């Protein structure tokens, strides 16, 4: 039995397959008592905390969203008040 997975290769995405035995080995490694599994679980806990912090009030993800929104609004206002070539709608033919 094979399972499909997408992986980025160069310029695009390519579908490759993982055999059931390889998938089972990876799951057992993560869930088992090995040092590798322990480190992977610890890293997952760290990443979970980092993700939560990013989306909390004042977090980096929220701050980036606010800055991006401010830039879009400012660009729109700039185009309304001082139109330039990039702001003009395309001509209809």
N, C-alpha and C. Protein backbone atom coordinates (compact mmCIF):
# COMPACT_ATOMS: atom_id res chain seq x y z
N UNK A 1 0.84 -1.16 0.00
CA UNK A 1 0.00 0.00 0.00
C UNK A 1 0.89 1.23 0.00
N UNK A 2 0.52 2.26 -0.77
CA UNK A 2 1.28 3.49 -0.85
C UNK A 2 0.40 4.67 -0.48
N UNK A 3 1.02 5.68 0.05
CA UNK A 3 0.33 6.91 0.39
C UNK A 3 0.97 8.03 -0.39
N UNK A 4 0.15 8.92 -0.97
CA UNK A 4 0.68 10.03 -1.74
C UNK A 4 1.05 11.20 -0.86
N UNK A 5 2.05 11.94 -1.28
CA UNK A 5 2.42 13.17 -0.58
C UNK A 5 2.92 14.14 -1.64
N UNK A 6 2.72 15.41 -1.40
CA UNK A 6 3.22 16.42 -2.31
C UNK A 6 4.51 16.98 -1.74
N UNK A 7 5.45 17.21 -2.59
CA UNK A 7 6.73 17.77 -2.16
C UNK A 7 7.17 18.81 -3.17
N UNK A 8 7.78 19.84 -2.67
CA UNK A 8 8.24 20.91 -3.55
C UNK A 8 9.59 20.52 -4.14
N UNK A 9 9.66 20.54 -5.45
CA UNK A 9 10.90 20.23 -6.15
C UNK A 9 11.14 21.33 -7.17
N UNK A 10 12.16 22.14 -6.96
CA UNK A 10 12.49 23.19 -7.92
C UNK A 10 11.39 24.21 -8.03
N UNK A 11 10.82 24.34 -9.21
CA UNK A 11 9.81 25.37 -9.48
C UNK A 11 8.38 24.94 -9.17
N UNK A 12 8.12 23.66 -9.02
CA UNK A 12 6.74 23.23 -8.83
C UNK A 12 6.59 22.16 -7.78
N UNK A 13 5.41 21.59 -7.74
CA UNK A 13 5.10 20.52 -6.79
C UNK A 13 5.08 19.20 -7.54
N UNK A 14 5.52 18.17 -6.87
CA UNK A 14 5.55 16.84 -7.48
C UNK A 14 4.95 15.85 -6.49
N UNK A 15 4.11 14.96 -6.98
CA UNK A 15 3.51 13.94 -6.14
C UNK A 15 4.46 12.75 -6.08
N UNK A 16 4.77 12.33 -4.87
CA UNK A 16 5.59 11.13 -4.70
C UNK A 16 4.86 10.20 -3.74
N UNK A 17 5.32 8.98 -3.62
CA UNK A 17 4.62 8.00 -2.81
C UNK A 17 5.50 7.46 -1.69
N UNK A 18 4.86 7.15 -0.57
CA UNK A 18 5.53 6.58 0.58
C UNK A 18 4.92 5.21 0.82
N UNK A 19 5.75 4.23 0.92
CA UNK A 19 5.26 2.88 1.19
C UNK A 19 4.73 2.80 2.62
N UNK A 20 3.78 1.92 2.85
CA UNK A 20 3.16 1.76 4.17
C UNK A 20 4.22 1.43 5.23
N UNK A 21 5.19 0.62 4.89
CA UNK A 21 6.23 0.24 5.86
C UNK A 21 7.05 1.45 6.29
N UNK A 22 7.35 2.35 5.33
CA UNK A 22 8.10 3.56 5.65
C UNK A 22 7.28 4.48 6.56
N UNK A 23 6.00 4.60 6.27
CA UNK A 23 5.11 5.43 7.09
C UNK A 23 5.00 4.85 8.50
N UNK A 24 4.85 3.54 8.58
CA UNK A 24 4.75 2.89 9.89
C UNK A 24 6.02 3.11 10.71
N UNK A 25 7.17 2.99 10.06
CA UNK A 25 8.45 3.20 10.75
C UNK A 25 8.55 4.63 11.29
N UNK A 26 8.13 5.60 10.48
CA UNK A 26 8.19 7.00 10.90
C UNK A 26 7.25 7.26 12.08
N UNK A 27 6.04 6.72 12.03
CA UNK A 27 5.08 6.91 13.13
C UNK A 27 5.59 6.25 14.40
N UNK A 28 6.11 5.03 14.28
CA UNK A 28 6.64 4.34 15.47
C UNK A 28 7.83 5.11 16.07
N UNK A 29 8.64 5.68 15.21
CA UNK A 29 9.79 6.46 15.69
C UNK A 29 9.32 7.68 16.48
N UNK A 30 8.30 8.36 15.95
CA UNK A 30 7.78 9.55 16.64
C UNK A 30 7.06 9.22 17.94
N UNK A 31 6.32 8.15 17.93
CA UNK A 31 5.48 7.82 19.08
C UNK A 31 6.21 6.95 20.11
N UNK A 32 7.33 6.40 19.74
CA UNK A 32 8.05 5.49 20.63
C UNK A 32 8.89 6.22 21.67
N UNK A 33 9.73 5.45 22.34
CA UNK A 33 10.53 5.99 23.43
C UNK A 33 11.94 6.37 22.98
N UNK A 34 12.19 6.36 21.68
CA UNK A 34 13.53 6.68 21.18
C UNK A 34 13.87 8.15 21.44
N UNK A 35 15.16 8.43 21.43
CA UNK A 35 15.62 9.81 21.64
C UNK A 35 15.15 10.70 20.49
N UNK A 36 15.15 10.16 19.28
CA UNK A 36 14.69 10.91 18.12
C UNK A 36 13.22 11.30 18.27
N UNK A 37 12.39 10.35 18.71
CA UNK A 37 10.97 10.63 18.92
C UNK A 37 10.75 11.66 20.01
N UNK A 38 11.52 11.55 21.08
CA UNK A 38 11.40 12.51 22.18
C UNK A 38 11.74 13.92 21.72
N UNK A 39 12.83 14.06 20.95
CA UNK A 39 13.23 15.37 20.44
C UNK A 39 12.17 15.94 19.49
N UNK A 40 11.60 15.09 18.64
CA UNK A 40 10.57 15.54 17.69
C UNK A 40 9.33 16.02 18.44
N UNK A 41 8.93 15.31 19.48
CA UNK A 41 7.76 15.74 20.27
C UNK A 41 8.03 17.05 21.00
N UNK A 42 9.25 17.21 21.54
CA UNK A 42 9.60 18.46 22.22
C UNK A 42 9.57 19.63 21.24
N UNK A 43 10.09 19.40 20.03
CA UNK A 43 10.09 20.44 19.00
C UNK A 43 8.65 20.80 18.61
N UNK A 44 7.78 19.81 18.53
CA UNK A 44 6.38 20.06 18.19
C UNK A 44 5.71 20.93 19.26
N UNK A 45 6.01 20.67 20.52
CA UNK A 45 5.46 21.48 21.61
C UNK A 45 5.96 22.92 21.51
N UNK A 46 7.26 23.09 21.20
CA UNK A 46 7.82 24.44 21.03
C UNK A 46 7.14 25.17 19.87
N UNK A 47 6.95 24.48 18.76
CA UNK A 47 6.32 25.09 17.59
C UNK A 47 4.86 25.46 17.87
N UNK A 48 4.17 24.61 18.64
CA UNK A 48 2.79 24.91 19.01
C UNK A 48 2.73 26.21 19.80
N UNK A 49 3.63 26.36 20.77
CA UNK A 49 3.67 27.58 21.58
C UNK A 49 4.00 28.80 20.71
N UNK A 50 4.95 28.64 19.79
CA UNK A 50 5.32 29.76 18.92
C UNK A 50 4.15 30.18 18.03
N UNK A 51 3.40 29.21 17.54
CA UNK A 51 2.23 29.52 16.70
C UNK A 51 1.16 30.24 17.51
N UNK A 52 0.91 29.76 18.71
CA UNK A 52 -0.09 30.43 19.57
C UNK A 52 0.32 31.87 19.87
N UNK A 53 1.61 32.07 20.18
CA UNK A 53 2.09 33.41 20.48
C UNK A 53 1.96 34.34 19.27
N UNK A 54 2.17 33.81 18.08
CA UNK A 54 2.10 34.64 16.88
C UNK A 54 0.70 35.16 16.61
N UNK A 55 -0.32 34.39 16.97
CA UNK A 55 -1.69 34.82 16.65
C UNK A 55 -2.40 35.47 17.83
N UNK A 56 -1.73 35.55 18.98
CA UNK A 56 -2.35 36.24 20.12
C UNK A 56 -2.26 37.75 19.92
N UNK A 57 -3.06 38.48 20.65
CA UNK A 57 -3.04 39.94 20.62
C UNK A 57 -1.61 40.42 20.83
N UNK A 58 -1.12 41.22 19.90
CA UNK A 58 0.24 41.73 20.01
C UNK A 58 1.30 40.79 19.49
N UNK A 59 0.90 39.62 19.02
CA UNK A 59 1.86 38.65 18.49
C UNK A 59 2.38 39.07 17.12
N UNK A 60 3.45 38.42 16.70
CA UNK A 60 4.09 38.77 15.43
C UNK A 60 3.15 38.61 14.24
N UNK A 61 2.35 37.55 14.22
CA UNK A 61 1.43 37.34 13.11
C UNK A 61 0.38 38.43 13.03
N UNK A 62 -0.13 38.85 14.17
CA UNK A 62 -1.12 39.92 14.20
C UNK A 62 -0.48 41.23 13.76
N UNK A 63 0.72 41.50 14.25
CA UNK A 63 1.42 42.74 13.89
C UNK A 63 1.69 42.79 12.40
N UNK A 64 2.11 41.68 11.79
CA UNK A 64 2.36 41.65 10.35
C UNK A 64 1.08 41.88 9.57
N UNK A 65 -0.02 41.31 10.04
CA UNK A 65 -1.31 41.51 9.38
C UNK A 65 -1.74 42.97 9.43
N UNK A 66 -1.51 43.61 10.56
CA UNK A 66 -1.88 45.03 10.71
C UNK A 66 -1.04 45.89 9.76
N UNK A 67 0.26 45.65 9.72
CA UNK A 67 1.15 46.43 8.85
C UNK A 67 0.76 46.23 7.39
N UNK A 68 0.49 45.00 6.99
CA UNK A 68 0.10 44.72 5.60
C UNK A 68 -1.20 45.44 5.25
N UNK A 69 -2.16 45.40 6.16
CA UNK A 69 -3.43 46.08 5.92
C UNK A 69 -3.22 47.58 5.81
N UNK A 70 -2.41 48.15 6.67
CA UNK A 70 -2.13 49.58 6.62
C UNK A 70 -1.49 49.96 5.28
N UNK A 71 -0.59 49.14 4.80
CA UNK A 71 0.06 49.44 3.51
C UNK A 71 -0.93 49.40 2.36
N UNK A 72 -1.81 48.42 2.36
CA UNK A 72 -2.81 48.31 1.29
C UNK A 72 -3.73 49.53 1.32
N UNK A 73 -4.19 49.91 2.50
CA UNK A 73 -5.08 51.07 2.62
C UNK A 73 -4.34 52.33 2.19
N UNK A 74 -3.09 52.50 2.62
CA UNK A 74 -2.34 53.70 2.25
C UNK A 74 -2.11 53.76 0.74
N UNK A 75 -1.80 52.63 0.13
CA UNK A 75 -1.62 52.61 -1.33
C UNK A 75 -2.91 52.98 -2.04
N UNK A 76 -4.03 52.48 -1.54
CA UNK A 76 -5.32 52.82 -2.15
C UNK A 76 -5.60 54.31 -2.02
N UNK A 77 -5.33 54.88 -0.86
CA UNK A 77 -5.54 56.32 -0.66
C UNK A 77 -4.61 57.14 -1.54
N UNK A 78 -3.35 56.71 -1.67
CA UNK A 78 -2.40 57.43 -2.52
C UNK A 78 -2.89 57.44 -3.97
N UNK A 79 -3.42 56.32 -4.43
CA UNK A 79 -3.91 56.24 -5.80
C UNK A 79 -5.14 57.12 -6.01
N UNK A 80 -5.97 57.26 -4.99
CA UNK A 80 -7.17 58.10 -5.10
C UNK A 80 -6.81 59.57 -5.21
N UNK A 81 -5.80 59.99 -4.46
CA UNK A 81 -5.45 61.40 -4.41
C UNK A 81 -4.43 61.82 -5.46
N UNK A 82 -3.52 60.94 -5.80
CA UNK A 82 -2.48 61.26 -6.77
C UNK A 82 -2.36 60.09 -7.74
N UNK A 83 -3.28 59.98 -8.69
CA UNK A 83 -3.23 58.84 -9.61
C UNK A 83 -1.93 58.81 -10.41
N UNK A 84 -1.40 57.64 -10.57
CA UNK A 84 -0.25 57.45 -11.43
C UNK A 84 -0.51 56.25 -12.31
N UNK A 85 0.41 55.95 -13.17
CA UNK A 85 0.19 54.92 -14.19
C UNK A 85 -0.30 53.59 -13.60
N UNK A 86 0.27 53.14 -12.48
CA UNK A 86 -0.08 51.84 -11.91
C UNK A 86 -1.49 51.82 -11.32
N UNK A 87 -2.05 53.01 -10.99
CA UNK A 87 -3.34 53.06 -10.33
C UNK A 87 -4.51 53.16 -11.30
N UNK A 88 -4.23 53.55 -12.53
CA UNK A 88 -5.33 53.76 -13.47
C UNK A 88 -5.89 52.42 -13.93
N UNK A 89 -7.21 52.35 -14.03
CA UNK A 89 -7.80 51.11 -14.54
C UNK A 89 -7.44 50.92 -16.01
N UNK A 90 -7.40 49.70 -16.48
CA UNK A 90 -7.06 49.46 -17.90
C UNK A 90 -8.13 50.03 -18.81
N UNK A 91 -7.71 50.47 -19.99
CA UNK A 91 -8.66 51.02 -20.97
C UNK A 91 -9.52 49.92 -21.54
N UNK A 92 -10.77 50.25 -21.79
CA UNK A 92 -11.67 49.30 -22.46
C UNK A 92 -11.55 49.51 -23.96
N UNK A 93 -11.54 48.43 -24.69
CA UNK A 93 -11.40 48.55 -26.15
C UNK A 93 -12.70 48.29 -26.84
